[in-house]
Amino acid sequence: TDIPSTDDDLSGNILSGAAGELIDKMLAAIEMSRENVSIIPLVFWRTPGGRTPSREELDLVRPFVDKMIEMLKPKVIITLGTLTTTEIGQANLTNTHGNEIQTDNGCVIVPLFHPNYLILKPSAKRHVWTALQNVQKILKNQ
């Protein structure tokens, strides 16, 4: 995910509220849960007014995000939303949604629409379902 929401600030948990409920359903659909995944925000704090993080803010936290990825050694990274897909996947979400992006370290990145987008545009959920099935297939084949 990109930045914590107001709900996240209030609860102290990343991806909480309606977006959290939806991500839990998405994970359950592929036989996963928060207990067996790691959710790392692109920026660890809510920016003033929930604005898009500045380049300076992104550059400040990137070493920490990279180190967490290095330590976790994930088989698959699911990026949620445009900013995260651009920053982590070096890709355009519209062009790569649900497709595999191979990385130099053997990890696969699969960009997905952010749960908040799916709440606003429920018709996009069918595209996410197909992408999640792809993620499940990747995990079972590794």
C-alpha atoms as a PDB file:
ATOM      1  CA  THR A   1       0.000   0.000   0.000  1.00  0.00           C
ATOM      2  CA  ASP A   2       1.175   3.553  -0.442  1.00  0.00           C
ATOM      3  CA  ILE A   3       0.401   5.625   2.678  1.00  0.00           C
ATOM      4  CA  PRO A   4      -1.569   5.016   5.877  1.00  0.00           C
ATOM      5  CA  SER A   5      -5.168   6.269   5.871  1.00  0.00           C
ATOM      6  CA  THR A   6      -7.067   8.139   8.561  1.00  0.00           C
ATOM      7  CA  ASP A   7      -8.561   4.781   9.641  1.00  0.00           C
ATOM      8  CA  ASP A   8      -5.032   3.389   9.900  1.00  0.00           C
ATOM      9  CA  ASP A   9      -3.942   6.300  12.095  1.00  0.00           C
ATOM     10  CA  LEU A  10      -6.945   5.822  14.383  1.00  0.00           C
ATOM     11  CA  SER A  11      -6.581   2.029  14.665  1.00  0.00           C
ATOM     12  CA  GLY A  12      -2.795   1.798  14.584  1.00  0.00           C
ATOM     13  CA  ASN A  13      -3.070  -0.873  11.865  1.00  0.00           C
ATOM     14  CA  ILE A  14      -2.244  -0.669   8.181  1.00  0.00           C
ATOM     15  CA  LEU A  15      -5.127  -1.255   5.764  1.00  0.00           C
ATOM     16  CA  SER A  16      -7.933  -0.895   8.263  1.00  0.00           C
ATOM     17  CA  GLY A  17     -11.547   0.162   7.847  1.00  0.00           C
ATOM     18  CA  ALA A  18     -13.387  -0.736   4.643  1.00  0.00           C
ATOM     19  CA  ALA A  19     -10.121  -1.156   2.699  1.00  0.00           C
ATOM     20  CA  GLY A  20      -8.875  -3.551   5.369  1.00  0.00           C
ATOM     21  CA  GLU A  21     -12.040  -5.612   5.227  1.00  0.00           C
ATOM     22  CA  LEU A  22     -11.700  -5.844   1.459  1.00  0.00           C
ATOM     23  CA  ILE A  23      -8.011  -6.830   1.543  1.00  0.00           C
ATOM     24  CA  ASP A  24      -8.873  -9.533   4.082  1.00  0.00           C
ATOM     25  CA  LYS A  25     -11.517 -10.896   1.678  1.00  0.00           C
ATOM     26  CA  MET A  26      -9.065 -10.697  -1.219  1.00  0.00           C
ATOM     27  CA  LEU A  27      -6.458 -12.649   0.725  1.00  0.00           C
ATOM     28  CA  ALA A  28      -9.008 -15.216   1.906  1.00  0.00           C
ATOM     29  CA  ALA A  29     -10.044 -15.787  -1.713  1.00  0.00           C
ATOM     30  CA  ILE A  30      -6.559 -17.178  -2.383  1.00  0.00           C
ATOM     31  CA  GLU A  31      -6.313 -19.042   0.914  1.00  0.00           C
ATOM     32  CA  MET A  32      -4.112 -16.424   2.566  1.00  0.00           C
ATOM     33  CA  SER A  33      -4.526 -14.105   5.531  1.00  0.00           C
ATOM     34  CA  ARG A  34      -2.669 -11.317   7.270  1.00  0.00           C
ATOM     35  CA  GLU A  35      -1.040 -13.981   9.418  1.00  0.00           C
ATOM     36  CA  ASN A  36       0.957 -15.306   6.451  1.00  0.00           C
ATOM     37  CA  VAL A  37       1.663 -12.131   4.501  1.00  0.00           C
ATOM     38  CA  SER A  38       3.567  -8.942   5.253  1.00  0.00           C
ATOM     39  CA  ILE A  39       1.991  -5.601   4.455  1.00  0.00           C
ATOM     40  CA  ILE A  40       4.517  -2.808   4.072  1.00  0.00           C
ATOM     41  CA  PRO A  41       3.373   0.752   3.371  1.00  0.00           C
ATOM     42  CA  LEU A  42       5.408   2.754   0.898  1.00  0.00           C
ATOM     43  CA  VAL A  43       5.521   5.583   3.452  1.00  0.00           C
ATOM     44  CA  PHE A  44       5.156   4.777   7.142  1.00  0.00           C
ATOM     45  CA  TRP A  45       3.184   7.851   8.184  1.00  0.00           C
ATOM     46  CA  ARG A  46       0.085   9.638   6.965  1.00  0.00           C
ATOM     47  CA  THR A  47       1.073  12.688   4.983  1.00  0.00           C
ATOM     48  CA  PRO A  48      -0.626  15.973   5.908  1.00  0.00           C
ATOM     49  CA  GLY A  49      -4.130  15.890   4.467  1.00  0.00           C
ATOM     50  CA  GLY A  50      -3.441  12.455   2.966  1.00  0.00           C
ATOM     51  CA  ARG A  51      -1.629  14.053   0.026  1.00  0.00           C
ATOM     52  CA  THR A  52       0.600  12.047  -2.279  1.00  0.00           C
ATOM     53  CA  PRO A  53       4.052  11.724  -0.693  1.00  0.00           C
ATOM     54  CA  SER A  54       6.714  14.045  -2.069  1.00  0.00           C
ATOM     55  CA  ARG A  55       9.760  12.699  -3.875  1.00  0.00           C
ATOM     56  CA  GLU A  56      11.805  13.652  -0.810  1.00  0.00           C
ATOM     57  CA  GLU A  57       9.510  11.599   1.474  1.00  0.00           C
ATOM     58  CA  LEU A  58       9.599   8.611  -0.886  1.00  0.00           C
ATOM     59  CA  ASP A  59      13.384   8.778  -1.133  1.00  0.00           C
ATOM     60  CA  LEU A  60      13.679   9.069   2.662  1.00  0.00           C
ATOM     61  CA  VAL A  61      11.830   5.804   3.370  1.00  0.00           C
ATOM     62  CA  ARG A  62      12.866   3.775   0.325  1.00  0.00           C
ATOM     63  CA  PRO A  63      15.985   2.260   1.962  1.00  0.00           C
ATOM     64  CA  PHE A  64      13.793   0.964   4.803  1.00  0.00           C
ATOM     65  CA  VAL A  65      11.234  -0.519   2.404  1.00  0.00           C
ATOM     66  CA  ASP A  66      14.023  -2.126   0.360  1.00  0.00           C
ATOM     67  CA  LYS A  67      15.632  -3.554   3.514  1.00  0.00           C
ATOM     68  CA  MET A  68      12.323  -5.037   4.672  1.00  0.00           C
ATOM     69  CA  ILE A  69      11.855  -6.682   1.274  1.00  0.00           C
ATOM     70  CA  GLU A  70      15.430  -7.981   1.401  1.00  0.00           C
ATOM     71  CA  MET A  71      14.897  -9.440   4.873  1.00  0.00           C
ATOM     72  CA  LEU A  72      11.498 -10.995   4.093  1.00  0.00           C
ATOM     73  CA  LYS A  73      12.633 -12.509   0.773  1.00  0.00           C
ATOM     74  CA  PRO A  74       9.083 -12.667  -0.612  1.00  0.00           C
ATOM     75  CA  LYS A  75       8.183 -14.948  -3.504  1.00  0.00           C
ATOM     76  CA  VAL A  76       5.579 -12.441  -4.651  1.00  0.00           C
ATOM     77  CA  ILE A  77       5.097  -8.751  -3.973  1.00  0.00           C
ATOM     78  CA  ILE A  78       1.608  -7.439  -4.602  1.00  0.00           C
ATOM     79  CA  THR A  79       1.696  -3.712  -5.135  1.00  0.00           C
ATOM     80  CA  LEU A  80      -1.551  -1.958  -4.291  1.00  0.00           C
ATOM     81  CA  GLY A  81      -2.287   1.122  -6.349  1.00  0.00           C
ATOM     82  CA  THR A  82      -0.606   3.407  -8.821  1.00  0.00           C
ATOM     83  CA  LEU A  83       2.094   4.965  -6.635  1.00  0.00           C
ATOM     84  CA  THR A  84       3.314   1.674  -5.196  1.00  0.00           C
ATOM     85  CA  THR A  85       3.342   0.016  -8.614  1.00  0.00           C
ATOM     86  CA  THR A  86       5.371   2.910 -10.012  1.00  0.00           C
ATOM     87  CA  GLU A  87       7.830   3.006  -7.113  1.00  0.00           C
ATOM     88  CA  ILE A  88       8.332  -0.716  -6.432  1.00  0.00           C
ATOM     89  CA  GLY A  89       7.482  -2.251  -9.800  1.00  0.00           C
ATOM     90  CA  GLN A  90       8.817   0.556 -11.987  1.00  0.00           C
ATOM     91  CA  ALA A  91       5.636   0.084 -14.009  1.00  0.00           C
ATOM     92  CA  ASN A  92       2.326   1.666 -14.936  1.00  0.00           C
ATOM     93  CA  LEU A  93      -0.593   0.072 -13.068  1.00  0.00           C
ATOM     94  CA  THR A  94      -3.039   0.431 -15.947  1.00  0.00           C
ATOM     95  CA  ASN A  95      -0.712  -1.446 -18.308  1.00  0.00           C
ATOM     96  CA  THR A  96       0.482  -4.106 -15.873  1.00  0.00           C
ATOM     97  CA  HIS A  97      -2.475  -4.825 -13.564  1.00  0.00           C
ATOM     98  CA  GLY A  98      -2.451  -8.511 -12.671  1.00  0.00           C
ATOM     99  CA  ASN A  99       0.615  -9.304 -14.798  1.00  0.00           C
ATOM    100  CA  GLU A 100       3.892 -10.658 -13.492  1.00  0.00           C
ATOM    101  CA  ILE A 101       6.913  -8.377 -13.356  1.00  0.00           C
ATOM    102  CA  GLN A 102      10.144 -10.307 -12.840  1.00  0.00           C
ATOM    103  CA  THR A 103      12.788  -8.725 -10.620  1.00  0.00           C
ATOM    104  CA  ASP A 104      16.548  -9.202 -10.572  1.00  0.00           C
ATOM    105  CA  ASN A 105      16.372 -11.003  -7.218  1.00  0.00           C
ATOM    106  CA  GLY A 106      13.914 -13.663  -8.419  1.00  0.00           C
ATOM    107  CA  CYS A 107      10.866 -12.124  -6.791  1.00  0.00           C
ATOM    108  CA  VAL A 108       7.722 -11.587  -8.838  1.00  0.00           C
ATOM    109  CA  ILE A 109       5.733  -8.353  -8.560  1.00  0.00           C
ATOM    110  CA  VAL A 110       2.016  -8.408  -9.351  1.00  0.00           C
ATOM    111  CA  PRO A 111       0.391  -4.957  -9.447  1.00  0.00           C
ATOM    112  CA  LEU A 112      -3.220  -4.701  -8.236  1.00  0.00           C
ATOM    113  CA  PHE A 113      -5.755  -1.954  -7.874  1.00  0.00           C
ATOM    114  CA  HIS A 114      -5.831  -0.590  -4.333  1.00  0.00           C
ATOM    115  CA  PRO A 115      -8.815  -1.707  -2.224  1.00  0.00           C
ATOM    116  CA  ASN A 116      -9.943   1.926  -1.933  1.00  0.00           C
ATOM    117  CA  TYR A 117     -10.207   2.070  -5.732  1.00  0.00           C
ATOM    118  CA  LEU A 118     -12.240  -1.139  -5.736  1.00  0.00           C
ATOM    119  CA  ILE A 119     -14.628   0.335  -3.193  1.00  0.00           C
ATOM    120  CA  LEU A 120     -15.180   3.290  -5.522  1.00  0.00           C
ATOM    121  CA  LYS A 121     -15.295   1.159  -8.677  1.00  0.00           C
ATOM    122  CA  PRO A 122     -16.697  -2.306  -7.802  1.00  0.00           C
ATOM    123  CA  SER A 123     -16.690  -3.383 -11.466  1.00  0.00           C
ATOM    124  CA  ALA A 124     -12.875  -3.577 -11.261  1.00  0.00           C
ATOM    125  CA  LYS A 125     -13.123  -6.419  -8.720  1.00  0.00           C
ATOM    126  CA  ARG A 126     -13.409  -9.027 -11.480  1.00  0.00           C
ATOM    127  CA  HIS A 127     -10.000  -7.937 -12.823  1.00  0.00           C
ATOM    128  CA  VAL A 128      -8.539  -8.274  -9.336  1.00  0.00           C
ATOM    129  CA  TRP A 129     -10.030 -11.740  -8.925  1.00  0.00           C
ATOM    130  CA  THR A 130      -8.237 -12.901 -12.074  1.00  0.00           C
ATOM    131  CA  ALA A 131      -5.006 -11.322 -10.826  1.00  0.00           C
ATOM    132  CA  LEU A 132      -5.359 -12.974  -7.418  1.00  0.00           C
ATOM    133  CA  GLN A 133      -5.818 -16.354  -9.077  1.00  0.00           C
ATOM    134  CA  ASN A 134      -2.537 -15.673 -10.903  1.00  0.00           C
ATOM    135  CA  VAL A 135      -0.831 -14.879  -7.578  1.00  0.00           C
ATOM    136  CA  GLN A 136      -2.174 -18.115  -6.104  1.00  0.00           C
ATOM    137  CA  LYS A 137      -0.827 -20.047  -9.089  1.00  0.00           C
ATOM    138  CA  ILE A 138       2.609 -18.429  -8.743  1.00  0.00           C
ATOM    139  CA  LEU A 139       2.773 -19.287  -5.046  1.00  0.00           C
ATOM    140  CA  LYS A 140       1.759 -22.898  -5.605  1.00  0.00           C
ATOM    141  CA  ASN A 141       4.345 -23.334  -8.373  1.00  0.00           C
ATOM    142  CA  GLN A 142       7.268 -22.028  -6.330  1.00  0.00           C
END
